[in-house]
C-alpha atoms as a PDB file:
ATOM      1  CA  MET A   1     -14.745  11.019   1.469  1.00  0.00           C
ATOM      2  CA  PHE A   2     -15.039   7.548   2.072  1.00  0.00           C
ATOM      3  CA  ASP A   3     -15.115   5.987   5.766  1.00  0.00           C
ATOM      4  CA  LEU A   4     -12.099   3.565   4.941  1.00  0.00           C
ATOM      5  CA  VAL A   5     -11.933   2.817   9.055  1.00  0.00           C
ATOM      6  CA  GLN A   6     -15.868   1.823   9.304  1.00  0.00           C
ATOM      7  CA  LEU A   7     -15.757  -0.454   5.741  1.00  0.00           C
ATOM      8  CA  MET A   8     -12.567  -2.234   7.069  1.00  0.00           C
ATOM      9  CA  GLU A   9     -15.068  -2.824  10.339  1.00  0.00           C
ATOM     10  CA  ARG A  10     -18.222  -4.156   7.854  1.00  0.00           C
ATOM     11  CA  ALA A  11     -15.341  -6.400   7.042  1.00  0.00           C
ATOM     12  CA  ASP A  12     -14.284  -9.766   7.554  1.00  0.00           C
ATOM     13  CA  SER A  13     -11.733 -10.686   5.076  1.00  0.00           C
ATOM     14  CA  ILE A  14      -8.661  -8.105   4.158  1.00  0.00           C
ATOM     15  CA  ALA A  15      -6.717  -8.085   1.149  1.00  0.00           C
ATOM     16  CA  LEU A  16      -4.194  -4.845   0.654  1.00  0.00           C
ATOM     17  CA  ALA A  17      -2.076  -5.240  -1.469  1.00  0.00           C
ATOM     18  CA  GLY A  18       0.554  -2.289  -2.804  1.00  0.00           C
ATOM     19  CA  HIS A  19       2.634  -2.335  -6.591  1.00  0.00           C
ATOM     20  CA  VAL A  20       5.022  -3.967  -8.310  1.00  0.00           C
ATOM     21  CA  ARG A  21       8.658  -3.666  -6.979  1.00  0.00           C
ATOM     22  CA  PRO A  22       7.854  -1.692  -4.142  1.00  0.00           C
ATOM     23  CA  ASP A  23       9.849   1.367  -2.965  1.00  0.00           C
ATOM     24  CA  GLY A  24       9.364   2.515   0.503  1.00  0.00           C
ATOM     25  CA  ASP A  25       6.229   4.535  -0.197  1.00  0.00           C
ATOM     26  CA  SER A  26       4.314   1.674  -1.068  1.00  0.00           C
ATOM     27  CA  VAL A  27       6.187  -1.192   1.798  1.00  0.00           C
ATOM     28  CA  GLY A  28       5.571   1.293   4.396  1.00  0.00           C
ATOM     29  CA  SER A  29       1.699   2.829   3.687  1.00  0.00           C
ATOM     30  CA  THR A  30       0.672  -0.911   3.317  1.00  0.00           C
ATOM     31  CA  LEU A  31       2.896  -2.028   6.022  1.00  0.00           C
ATOM     32  CA  ALA A  32       0.868   0.698   8.190  1.00  0.00           C
ATOM     33  CA  LEU A  33      -1.609   0.096   7.665  1.00  0.00           C
ATOM     34  CA  TYR A  34      -1.424  -3.581   7.990  1.00  0.00           C
ATOM     35  CA  ASN A  35      -0.239  -3.329  11.072  1.00  0.00           C
ATOM     36  CA  TYR A  36      -3.181  -1.186  12.512  1.00  0.00           C
ATOM     37  CA  ILE A  37      -5.352  -3.298  11.364  1.00  0.00           C
ATOM     38  CA  LYS A  38      -3.870  -6.403  13.441  1.00  0.00           C
ATOM     39  CA  LYS A  39      -4.243  -3.917  16.445  1.00  0.00           C
ATOM     40  CA  VAL A  40      -7.577  -2.565  16.296  1.00  0.00           C
ATOM     41  CA  SER A  41      -9.114  -5.751  14.323  1.00  0.00           C
ATOM     42  CA  PRO A  42      -7.179  -8.766  15.226  1.00  0.00           C
ATOM     43  CA  GLU A  43     -10.062 -11.309  14.703  1.00  0.00           C
ATOM     44  CA  LYS A  44     -10.212  -9.990  11.066  1.00  0.00           C
ATOM     45  CA  GLU A  45      -8.189 -12.318   8.338  1.00  0.00           C
ATOM     46  CA  VAL A  46      -5.706  -9.814   6.758  1.00  0.00           C
ATOM     47  CA  THR A  47      -3.726 -10.413   3.803  1.00  0.00           C
ATOM     48  CA  LEU A  48      -0.833  -8.292   2.349  1.00  0.00           C
ATOM     49  CA  PHE A  49       0.366  -8.989  -1.442  1.00  0.00           C
ATOM     50  CA  LEU A  50       3.127  -7.438  -2.332  1.00  0.00           C
ATOM     51  CA  GLU A  51       6.245  -8.666  -3.834  1.00  0.00           C
ATOM     52  CA  LYS A  52       9.215  -9.170  -1.246  1.00  0.00           C
ATOM     53  CA  PRO A  53      10.341  -6.079  -0.136  1.00  0.00           C
ATOM     54  CA  ALA A  54      13.951  -5.158  -0.266  1.00  0.00           C
ATOM     55  CA  GLU A  55      16.097  -6.462   2.856  1.00  0.00           C
ATOM     56  CA  ILE A  56      16.229  -2.758   3.963  1.00  0.00           C
ATOM     57  CA  TYR A  57      13.184  -1.849   5.437  1.00  0.00           C
ATOM     58  CA  SER A  58      13.344  -5.510   7.257  1.00  0.00           C
ATOM     59  CA  TYR A  59      13.265  -3.381  10.621  1.00  0.00           C
ATOM     60  CA  LEU A  60       9.738  -2.669   9.374  1.00  0.00           C
ATOM     61  CA  LYS A  61       6.818  -5.211  11.945  1.00  0.00           C
ATOM     62  CA  GLY A  62       5.222  -7.738   9.540  1.00  0.00           C
ATOM     63  CA  TYR A  63       7.979  -7.398   6.631  1.00  0.00           C
ATOM     64  CA  ASP A  64       8.100 -11.324   6.951  1.00  0.00           C
ATOM     65  CA  GLU A  65       4.406 -11.903   6.849  1.00  0.00           C
ATOM     66  CA  VAL A  66       3.832 -10.497   3.413  1.00  0.00           C
ATOM     67  CA  THR A  67       2.533 -12.682   1.024  1.00  0.00           C
ATOM     68  CA  VAL A  68       3.947 -12.794  -2.252  1.00  0.00           C
ATOM     69  CA  PRO A  69       1.092 -12.835  -5.313  1.00  0.00           C
ATOM     70  CA  GLU A  70       2.033 -16.017  -7.341  1.00  0.00           C
ATOM     71  CA  ASP A  71       0.200 -17.664  -9.707  1.00  0.00           C
ATOM     72  CA  SER A  72       0.430 -20.966  -7.226  1.00  0.00           C
ATOM     73  CA  LEU A  73      -1.872 -19.092  -4.607  1.00  0.00           C
ATOM     74  CA  PRO A  74      -5.734 -20.809  -4.882  1.00  0.00           C
ATOM     75  CA  ASP A  75      -8.066 -18.439  -5.612  1.00  0.00           C
ATOM     76  CA  LYS A  76     -10.301 -16.655  -2.692  1.00  0.00           C
ATOM     77  CA  VAL A  77     -13.232 -13.979  -2.699  1.00  0.00           C
ATOM     78  CA  TYR A  78     -12.213 -11.160  -0.362  1.00  0.00           C
ATOM     79  CA  ASP A  79     -14.611  -8.889   1.537  1.00  0.00           C
ATOM     80  CA  LEU A  80     -12.262  -5.927   0.994  1.00  0.00           C
ATOM     81  CA  PHE A  81      -9.616  -5.210  -0.970  1.00  0.00           C
ATOM     82  CA  ILE A  82      -7.534  -1.843  -0.351  1.00  0.00           C
ATOM     83  CA  ALA A  83      -4.729  -0.797  -3.441  1.00  0.00           C
ATOM     84  CA  MET A  84      -2.265   1.619  -2.772  1.00  0.00           C
ATOM     85  CA  ASP A  85       0.371   3.754  -3.904  1.00  0.00           C
ATOM     86  CA  LEU A  86      -0.831   2.886  -7.644  1.00  0.00           C
ATOM     87  CA  GLY A  87      -2.243   4.695 -10.812  1.00  0.00           C
ATOM     88  CA  ASP A  88      -3.914   1.662 -12.706  1.00  0.00           C
ATOM     89  CA  LEU A  89      -4.895  -2.322 -11.842  1.00  0.00           C
ATOM     90  CA  ASP A  90      -1.884  -3.242 -13.676  1.00  0.00           C
ATOM     91  CA  ARG A  91       0.100  -1.998 -11.548  1.00  0.00           C
ATOM     92  CA  LEU A  92      -0.549  -5.315  -9.435  1.00  0.00           C
ATOM     93  CA  GLY A  93       0.745  -7.205 -10.536  1.00  0.00           C
ATOM     94  CA  LYS A  94      -0.001 -11.137  -9.721  1.00  0.00           C
ATOM     95  CA  ALA A  95      -2.421  -9.788  -7.562  1.00  0.00           C
ATOM     96  CA  GLU A  96      -4.662  -8.162  -9.818  1.00  0.00           C
ATOM     97  CA  ARG A  97      -7.307 -11.552  -9.950  1.00  0.00           C
ATOM     98  CA  PHE A  98      -7.610 -11.412  -6.087  1.00  0.00           C
ATOM     99  CA  TYR A  99      -8.266  -7.408  -6.223  1.00  0.00           C
ATOM    100  CA  THR A 100     -10.727  -8.757  -9.540  1.00  0.00           C
ATOM    101  CA  ALA A 101     -12.750 -11.404  -7.702  1.00  0.00           C
ATOM    102  CA  ALA A 102     -13.272  -8.919  -3.708  1.00  0.00           C
ATOM    103  CA  ARG A 103     -16.761  -8.207  -3.017  1.00  0.00           C
ATOM    104  CA  ASP A 104     -15.542  -4.433  -2.108  1.00  0.00           C
ATOM    105  CA  THR A 105     -12.955  -2.453  -2.925  1.00  0.00           C
ATOM    106  CA  VAL A 106     -10.555   0.492  -1.912  1.00  0.00           C
ATOM    107  CA  CYS A 107      -8.147   3.148  -4.140  1.00  0.00           C
ATOM    108  CA  ILE A 108      -5.501   4.920  -2.210  1.00  0.00           C
ATOM    109  CA  ASP A 109      -3.371   6.772  -3.744  1.00  0.00           C
ATOM    110  CA  HIS A 110      -1.725  10.013  -4.691  1.00  0.00           C
ATOM    111  CA  HIS A 111      -0.744   9.643  -8.131  1.00  0.00           C
ATOM    112  CA  ILE A 112      -1.351  12.249 -10.660  1.00  0.00           C
ATOM    113  CA  SER A 113      -2.787  10.419 -13.702  1.00  0.00           C
ATOM    114  CA  ASN A 114      -4.523   7.813 -11.470  1.00  0.00           C
ATOM    115  CA  THR A 115      -7.936   8.149 -11.697  1.00  0.00           C
ATOM    116  CA  GLY A 116      -9.689   6.519  -9.640  1.00  0.00           C
ATOM    117  CA  PHE A 117     -10.534   2.768  -9.989  1.00  0.00           C
ATOM    118  CA  GLY A 118     -12.008   1.488  -7.117  1.00  0.00           C
ATOM    119  CA  ASN A 119     -15.815   0.969  -5.990  1.00  0.00           C
ATOM    120  CA  HIS A 120     -14.232   3.753  -3.338  1.00  0.00           C
ATOM    121  CA  SER A 121     -11.458   5.933  -3.936  1.00  0.00           C
ATOM    122  CA  TYR A 122      -9.157   8.305  -1.863  1.00  0.00           C
ATOM    123  CA  ILE A 123      -6.943  10.392  -4.502  1.00  0.00           C
ATOM    124  CA  LYS A 124      -4.878  13.205  -4.077  1.00  0.00           C
ATOM    125  CA  SER A 125      -2.304  14.101  -6.011  1.00  0.00           C
ATOM    126  CA  GLU A 126      -0.673  16.905  -3.616  1.00  0.00           C
ATOM    127  CA  ALA A 127       0.305  14.959  -0.800  1.00  0.00           C
ATOM    128  CA  SER A 128       3.278  13.808  -0.240  1.00  0.00           C
ATOM    129  CA  SER A 129       2.866  10.014  -0.254  1.00  0.00           C
ATOM    130  CA  THR A 130       0.528   7.626   0.076  1.00  0.00           C
ATOM    131  CA  SER A 131       1.619   7.475   3.655  1.00  0.00           C
ATOM    132  CA  GLU A 132       0.891  10.877   4.840  1.00  0.00           C
ATOM    133  CA  LEU A 133      -3.143   9.947   3.112  1.00  0.00           C
ATOM    134  CA  ILE A 134      -2.575   6.629   5.403  1.00  0.00           C
ATOM    135  CA  TYR A 135      -2.438   8.615   8.190  1.00  0.00           C
ATOM    136  CA  ASP A 136      -5.038  11.091   7.844  1.00  0.00           C
ATOM    137  CA  LEU A 137      -7.712   8.017   7.204  1.00  0.00           C
ATOM    138  CA  ILE A 138      -6.638   5.887  10.450  1.00  0.00           C
ATOM    139  CA  ASP A 139      -7.788   6.884  13.951  1.00  0.00           C
ATOM    140  CA  GLU A 140      -4.648   9.072  15.391  1.00  0.00           C
ATOM    141  CA  ASN A 141      -5.177   7.441  18.311  1.00  0.00           C
ATOM    142  CA  MET A 142      -4.393   3.958  17.492  1.00  0.00           C
ATOM    143  CA  ILE A 143      -1.188   4.164  16.039  1.00  0.00           C
ATOM    144  CA  ASP A 144       2.371   3.086  18.017  1.00  0.00           C
ATOM    145  CA  VAL A 145       5.585   2.772  17.343  1.00  0.00           C
ATOM    146  CA  GLU A 146       5.208   0.261  14.857  1.00  0.00           C
ATOM    147  CA  ILE A 147       2.976   2.279  12.396  1.00  0.00           C
ATOM    148  CA  ALA A 148       4.879   5.255  13.168  1.00  0.00           C
ATOM    149  CA  LYS A 149       8.057   3.615  12.090  1.00  0.00           C
ATOM    150  CA  CYS A 150       6.333   2.336   8.287  1.00  0.00           C
ATOM    151  CA  ILE A 151       4.510   5.536   8.139  1.00  0.00           C
ATOM    152  CA  TYR A 152       7.731   7.272   8.914  1.00  0.00           C
ATOM    153  CA  THR A 153       9.821   5.350   6.324  1.00  0.00           C
ATOM    154  CA  GLY A 154       6.867   5.914   3.084  1.00  0.00           C
ATOM    155  CA  ILE A 155       7.238   9.677   3.678  1.00  0.00           C
ATOM    156  CA  ILE A 156      11.186  10.168   3.946  1.00  0.00           C
ATOM    157  CA  HIS A 157      11.282   7.819   0.949  1.00  0.00           C
ATOM    158  CA  ASP A 158       8.332   9.664  -1.913  1.00  0.00           C
ATOM    159  CA  THR A 159      10.086  12.748   0.189  1.00  0.00           C
ATOM    160  CA  GLY A 160      13.443  12.357  -0.603  1.00  0.00           C
ATOM    161  CA  ILE A 161      14.029  13.009   3.068  1.00  0.00           C
ATOM    162  CA  LEU A 162      11.087  16.177   3.452  1.00  0.00           C
ATOM    163  CA  GLN A 163      13.317  17.948  -0.255  1.00  0.00           C
ATOM    164  CA  TYR A 164      10.753  17.351  -3.017  1.00  0.00           C
ATOM    165  CA  SER A 165       8.405  20.267  -3.385  1.00  0.00           C
ATOM    166  CA  ASN A 166       5.273  17.834  -2.457  1.00  0.00           C
ATOM    167  CA  THR A 167       6.516  18.312   0.770  1.00  0.00           C
ATOM    168  CA  SER A 168       3.931  20.513   2.888  1.00  0.00           C
ATOM    169  CA  ARG A 169       3.349  21.545   5.663  1.00  0.00           C
ATOM    170  CA  HIS A 170       1.130  18.898   6.537  1.00  0.00           C
ATOM    171  CA  THR A 171       3.385  16.736   5.480  1.00  0.00           C
ATOM    172  CA  LEU A 172       6.020  18.625   7.857  1.00  0.00           C
ATOM    173  CA  GLU A 173       3.216  18.158  11.163  1.00  0.00           C
ATOM    174  CA  ILE A 174       2.617  14.538  10.631  1.00  0.00           C
ATOM    175  CA  VAL A 175       6.853  13.442  10.434  1.00  0.00           C
ATOM    176  CA  GLY A 176       7.079  15.892  13.490  1.00  0.00           C
ATOM    177  CA  LYS A 177       3.966  13.872  15.086  1.00  0.00           C
ATOM    178  CA  LEU A 178       5.999  10.365  14.157  1.00  0.00           C
ATOM    179  CA  ILE A 179       9.227  11.231  15.653  1.00  0.00           C
ATOM    180  CA  GLU A 180       7.641  12.277  18.698  1.00  0.00           C
ATOM    181  CA  PHE A 181       6.917   7.597  19.383  1.00  0.00           C
ATOM    182  CA  GLY A 182      11.390   7.334  19.967  1.00  0.00           C
ATOM    183  CA  PHE A 183      12.059   5.136  17.354  1.00  0.00           C
ATOM    184  CA  ASP A 184      16.203   6.183  15.691  1.00  0.00           C
ATOM    185  CA  PHE A 185      14.733   8.409  13.066  1.00  0.00           C
ATOM    186  CA  THR A 186      17.995   9.190  12.070  1.00  0.00           C
ATOM    187  CA  GLY A 187      19.125   5.207  12.434  1.00  0.00           C
ATOM    188  CA  LEU A 188      16.245   4.070   9.931  1.00  0.00           C
ATOM    189  CA  ILE A 189      16.949   7.369   7.317  1.00  0.00           C
ATOM    190  CA  ASN A 190      20.700   5.910   7.178  1.00  0.00           C
ATOM    191  CA  ARG A 191      19.695   2.662   6.999  1.00  0.00           C
ATOM    192  CA  SER A 192      16.854   2.243   4.033  1.00  0.00           C
ATOM    193  CA  TYR A 193      17.510   6.045   2.353  1.00  0.00           C
ATOM    194  CA  TYR A 194      21.313   5.950   2.274  1.00  0.00           C
ATOM    195  CA  GLU A 195      23.300   2.513   3.074  1.00  0.00           C
ATOM    196  CA  LYS A 196      23.774   0.790  -0.524  1.00  0.00           C
ATOM    197  CA  THR A 197      25.684  -2.587  -0.773  1.00  0.00           C
ATOM    198  CA  TYR A 198      29.271  -2.727  -2.539  1.00  0.00           C
ATOM    199  CA  MET A 199      27.341  -3.922  -5.316  1.00  0.00           C
ATOM    200  CA  GLN A 200      25.409  -2.018  -5.476  1.00  0.00           C
ATOM    201  CA  ASN A 201      27.646   1.426  -5.217  1.00  0.00           C
ATOM    202  CA  GLN A 202      29.576  -0.323  -8.540  1.00  0.00           C
ATOM    203  CA  ILE A 203      26.632   0.099 -10.224  1.00  0.00           C
ATOM    204  CA  LEU A 204      25.130   3.269  -9.142  1.00  0.00           C
ATOM    205  CA  GLY A 205      29.025   4.574 -10.945  1.00  0.00           C
ATOM    206  CA  ARG A 206      28.609   2.296 -13.982  1.00  0.00           C
ATOM    207  CA  ALA A 207      24.800   4.107 -14.888  1.00  0.00           C
ATOM    208  CA  LEU A 208      27.198   7.402 -14.067  1.00  0.00           C
ATOM    209  CA  LEU A 209      30.315   6.964 -15.876  1.00  0.00           C
ATOM    210  CA  GLU A 210      28.181   5.359 -19.468  1.00  0.00           C
ATOM    211  CA  SER A 211      25.425   8.426 -18.673  1.00  0.00           C
ATOM    212  CA  ILE A 212      25.415  11.026 -21.617  1.00  0.00           C
ATOM    213  CA  LEU A 213      24.486  14.509 -21.719  1.00  0.00           C
ATOM    214  CA  PHE A 214      21.948  15.400 -24.582  1.00  0.00           C
ATOM    215  CA  MET A 215      19.803  18.909 -25.525  1.00  0.00           C
ATOM    216  CA  ASP A 216      21.919  20.792 -24.614  1.00  0.00           C
ATOM    217  CA  GLY A 217      22.875  19.332 -21.514  1.00  0.00           C
ATOM    218  CA  LYS A 218      19.368  19.677 -20.174  1.00  0.00           C
ATOM    219  CA  CYS A 219      19.433  16.201 -20.316  1.00  0.00           C
ATOM    220  CA  ILE A 220      21.218  13.413 -18.910  1.00  0.00           C
ATOM    221  CA  ALA A 221      20.361   9.423 -19.247  1.00  0.00           C
ATOM    222  CA  THR A 222      21.558   6.034 -18.897  1.00  0.00           C
ATOM    223  CA  VAL A 223      21.033   2.810 -19.293  1.00  0.00           C
ATOM    224  CA  ILE A 224      21.721  -1.179 -17.742  1.00  0.00           C
ATOM    225  CA  ASP A 225      21.095  -4.086 -19.737  1.00  0.00           C
ATOM    226  CA  HIS A 226      21.070  -7.417 -18.807  1.00  0.00           C
ATOM    227  CA  LYS A 227      24.691  -7.875 -19.997  1.00  0.00           C
ATOM    228  CA  THR A 228      25.744  -5.439 -17.098  1.00  0.00           C
ATOM    229  CA  MET A 229      23.116  -7.187 -14.564  1.00  0.00           C
ATOM    230  CA  ASP A 230      24.459 -10.489 -15.290  1.00  0.00           C
ATOM    231  CA  PHE A 231      27.740  -9.161 -14.366  1.00  0.00           C
ATOM    232  CA  TYR A 232      26.910  -7.493 -11.355  1.00  0.00           C
ATOM    233  CA  GLY A 233      24.423  -9.930 -10.315  1.00  0.00           C
ATOM    234  CA  ALA A 234      21.659  -7.380 -10.108  1.00  0.00           C
ATOM    235  CA  VAL A 235      17.906  -7.123  -9.859  1.00  0.00           C
ATOM    236  CA  PRO A 236      15.940  -4.469  -9.815  1.00  0.00           C
ATOM    237  CA  LYS A 237      16.201  -3.669  -6.335  1.00  0.00           C
ATOM    238  CA  ASP A 238      19.313  -2.699  -6.631  1.00  0.00           C
ATOM    239  CA  PHE A 239      18.454  -0.155  -9.538  1.00  0.00           C
ATOM    240  CA  ASP A 240      16.857   2.320  -5.821  1.00  0.00           C
ATOM    241  CA  GLY A 241      18.160   5.779  -5.882  1.00  0.00           C
ATOM    242  CA  ILE A 242      20.131   5.419  -9.910  1.00  0.00           C
ATOM    243  CA  ALA A 243      16.977   8.348 -11.635  1.00  0.00           C
ATOM    244  CA  ASN A 244      17.890  10.709  -7.898  1.00  0.00           C
ATOM    245  CA  GLN A 245      21.803  10.701  -8.834  1.00  0.00           C
ATOM    246  CA  LEU A 246      20.973  10.894 -12.105  1.00  0.00           C
ATOM    247  CA  PHE A 247      19.355  14.127 -11.976  1.00  0.00           C
ATOM    248  CA  LYS A 248      21.855  16.516  -9.371  1.00  0.00           C
ATOM    249  CA  THR A 249      23.660  16.683 -11.964  1.00  0.00           C
ATOM    250  CA  ARG A 250      23.836  20.172 -12.542  1.00  0.00           C
ATOM    251  CA  GLY A 251      21.584  21.987 -15.079  1.00  0.00           C
ATOM    252  CA  THR A 252      19.649  18.819 -16.063  1.00  0.00           C
ATOM    253  CA  ASP A 253      15.521  19.141 -16.748  1.00  0.00           C
ATOM    254  CA  VAL A 254      14.816  15.253 -17.030  1.00  0.00           C
ATOM    255  CA  SER A 255      17.272  12.519 -15.441  1.00  0.00           C
ATOM    256  CA  ILE A 256      15.979   9.312 -17.475  1.00  0.00           C
ATOM    257  CA  PHE A 257      17.574   6.008 -15.907  1.00  0.00           C
ATOM    258  CA  MET A 258      16.661   2.608 -18.414  1.00  0.00           C
ATOM    259  CA  TYR A 259      16.858  -1.302 -17.574  1.00  0.00           C
ATOM    260  CA  GLU A 260      16.201  -4.149 -18.764  1.00  0.00           C
ATOM    261  CA  SER A 261      13.816  -5.882 -18.330  1.00  0.00           C
ATOM    262  CA  SER A 262      14.363 -10.020 -17.322  1.00  0.00           C
ATOM    263  CA  ASP A 263      11.299 -11.669 -18.225  1.00  0.00           C
ATOM    264  CA  GLU A 264      11.760  -9.951 -22.356  1.00  0.00           C
ATOM    265  CA  GLN A 265      15.056  -8.794 -24.443  1.00  0.00           C
ATOM    266  CA  ASN A 266      14.530  -5.064 -25.774  1.00  0.00           C
ATOM    267  CA  LEU A 267      11.526  -4.492 -22.871  1.00  0.00           C
ATOM    268  CA  PHE A 268      12.856  -1.861 -20.660  1.00  0.00           C
ATOM    269  CA  LYS A 269      11.806  -0.028 -17.459  1.00  0.00           C
ATOM    270  CA  VAL A 270      11.809   3.678 -17.489  1.00  0.00           C
ATOM    271  CA  SER A 271      12.339   5.552 -14.673  1.00  0.00           C
ATOM    272  CA  MET A 272      12.319   9.443 -15.401  1.00  0.00           C
ATOM    273  CA  ARG A 273      12.819  12.978 -12.992  1.00  0.00           C
ATOM    274  CA  ALA A 274      12.087  16.264 -13.980  1.00  0.00           C
ATOM    275  CA  SER A 275      12.221  20.114 -12.830  1.00  0.00           C
ATOM    276  CA  ASP A 276       9.495  22.196 -12.676  1.00  0.00           C
ATOM    277  CA  ARG A 277       9.713  22.710 -16.472  1.00  0.00           C
ATOM    278  CA  VAL A 278       8.602  19.328 -17.735  1.00  0.00           C
ATOM    279  CA  ASP A 279       5.770  17.421 -16.997  1.00  0.00           C
ATOM    280  CA  VAL A 280       7.313  13.673 -16.767  1.00  0.00           C
ATOM    281  CA  SER A 281       3.811  12.325 -15.399  1.00  0.00           C
ATOM    282  CA  LYS A 282       2.253  13.240 -19.026  1.00  0.00           C
ATOM    283  CA  ILE A 283       4.837  11.744 -20.891  1.00  0.00           C
ATOM    284  CA  ALA A 284       4.995   8.502 -18.782  1.00  0.00           C
ATOM    285  CA  LYS A 285       0.910   7.965 -19.566  1.00  0.00           C
ATOM    286  CA  LYS A 286       1.232   9.065 -23.560  1.00  0.00           C
ATOM    287  CA  PHE A 287       3.816   5.841 -23.288  1.00  0.00           C
ATOM    288  CA  GLY A 288       1.409   3.403 -20.824  1.00  0.00           C
ATOM    289  CA  GLY A 289       2.876   4.720 -17.346  1.00  0.00           C
ATOM    290  CA  GLY A 290       2.286   7.243 -14.976  1.00  0.00           C
ATOM    291  CA  GLY A 291       3.290   8.493 -12.341  1.00  0.00           C
ATOM    292  CA  HIS A 292       3.527  11.999 -10.433  1.00  0.00           C
ATOM    293  CA  LYS A 293       4.655  15.986 -12.866  1.00  0.00           C
ATOM    294  CA  LYS A 294       8.562  15.767 -10.949  1.00  0.00           C
ATOM    295  CA  ALA A 295       8.560  11.740 -10.906  1.00  0.00           C
ATOM    296  CA  ALA A 296       6.988   8.801 -13.114  1.00  0.00           C
ATOM    297  CA  GLY A 297       8.158   6.484 -15.279  1.00  0.00           C
ATOM    298  CA  PHE A 298       6.803   2.858 -17.974  1.00  0.00           C
ATOM    299  CA  SER A 299       7.700   0.523 -19.344  1.00  0.00           C
ATOM    300  CA  MET A 300       8.207  -0.002 -23.574  1.00  0.00           C
ATOM    301  CA  SER A 301      10.170  -2.636 -26.140  1.00  0.00           C
ATOM    302  CA  GLY A 302      12.489  -1.415 -28.332  1.00  0.00           C
ATOM    303  CA  THR A 303      16.170  -0.305 -28.375  1.00  0.00           C
ATOM    304  CA  TYR A 304      17.676   1.876 -25.650  1.00  0.00           C
ATOM    305  CA  HIS A 305      18.565   4.767 -28.618  1.00  0.00           C
ATOM    306  CA  ASP A 306      14.247   4.379 -29.747  1.00  0.00           C
ATOM    307  CA  ILE A 307      12.639   4.480 -26.731  1.00  0.00           C
ATOM    308  CA  LEU A 308      15.032   8.001 -25.700  1.00  0.00           C
ATOM    309  CA  ASN A 309      14.469   9.511 -28.971  1.00  0.00           C
ATOM    310  CA  ASN A 310      10.917   8.767 -28.333  1.00  0.00           C
ATOM    311  CA  ILE A 311      10.983  10.657 -24.744  1.00  0.00           C
ATOM    312  CA  SER A 312      13.798  13.292 -26.049  1.00  0.00           C
ATOM    313  CA  GLU A 313      10.587  14.327 -28.727  1.00  0.00           C
ATOM    314  CA  GLU A 314       8.087  14.633 -26.040  1.00  0.00           C
ATOM    315  CA  ILE A 315      10.382  17.121 -23.844  1.00  0.00           C
ATOM    316  CA  GLU A 316      11.144  18.926 -26.500  1.00  0.00           C
ATOM    317  CA  LYS A 317       7.878  19.896 -27.168  1.00  0.00           C
ATOM    318  CA  GLN A 318       7.228  20.255 -23.858  1.00  0.00           C
ATOM    319  CA  LEU A 319      10.338  23.190 -23.109  1.00  0.00           C
ATOM    320  CA  SER A 320       9.748  24.689 -26.851  1.00  0.00           C
ATOM    321  CA  GLU A 321       6.033  25.449 -25.031  1.00  0.00           C
ATOM    322  CA  GLN A 322       7.600  27.545 -22.208  1.00  0.00           C
ATOM    323  CA  ASP A 323      10.153  29.414 -24.951  1.00  0.00           C
END
């Protein structure tokens, strides 16, 4: 394993980035490392590229210092670029050009579909989150309450509040050390994980109401199209948690949530959740996406029903192999 601290010490300019449409782990891991570098090496130039995170993460230090990667930003060559929580370069979005131009690159990730694309890669698919990996890579003695809140947020979101099977003894040990910093960890969970706006609850209700069960109840699926998004004034950040809520339906092995991309008609973003019986990362990878065995996603053009049929065929193949 490479020494991340040593690599950062050698660089005068450092860029960090997470994946497009950042979730809790992407926000938590990148802000944790951003705050760490700013603390231990205040003389260094540090830039965090991230699509503007949801307001629910605004309690994290550095939230207002995020640089949204736009085409209008001038070209720059960083000494070191650290990409976190993404399985391939496409997931960097508009920050990819800075990664490609950097003198040295690092990839830190826990997605099983990641084959390693940095000059230095640290990939542990068995880890609960990229935030857990950041904790392992930095100097534990330099962690303060603000860094602790970032790491805790990432772990909590990617483990479903320590409910998912990716939660290990090591994960719990880290969480135990983090809460000793004395922040309001229950309030943090409520604010960033459970609380929803009235509109978000309406969208969730609509998604559940219009969901369908198929394959003898083994699968559940729903979709949000442009028309529905425009009616509620919703954006992708408002859809967090829908795939997870669908998966709570008794008897289902797979939940599928789709929403139509605002960039292109009939282009759908697909999120899947699964039981031990189905590996959705394999399905996502086949269609150009990635993720974990029990949580993965991809994008596909077509109609809702055509996409659902493609996914269903892959699910049936995996289930039939077990019968």
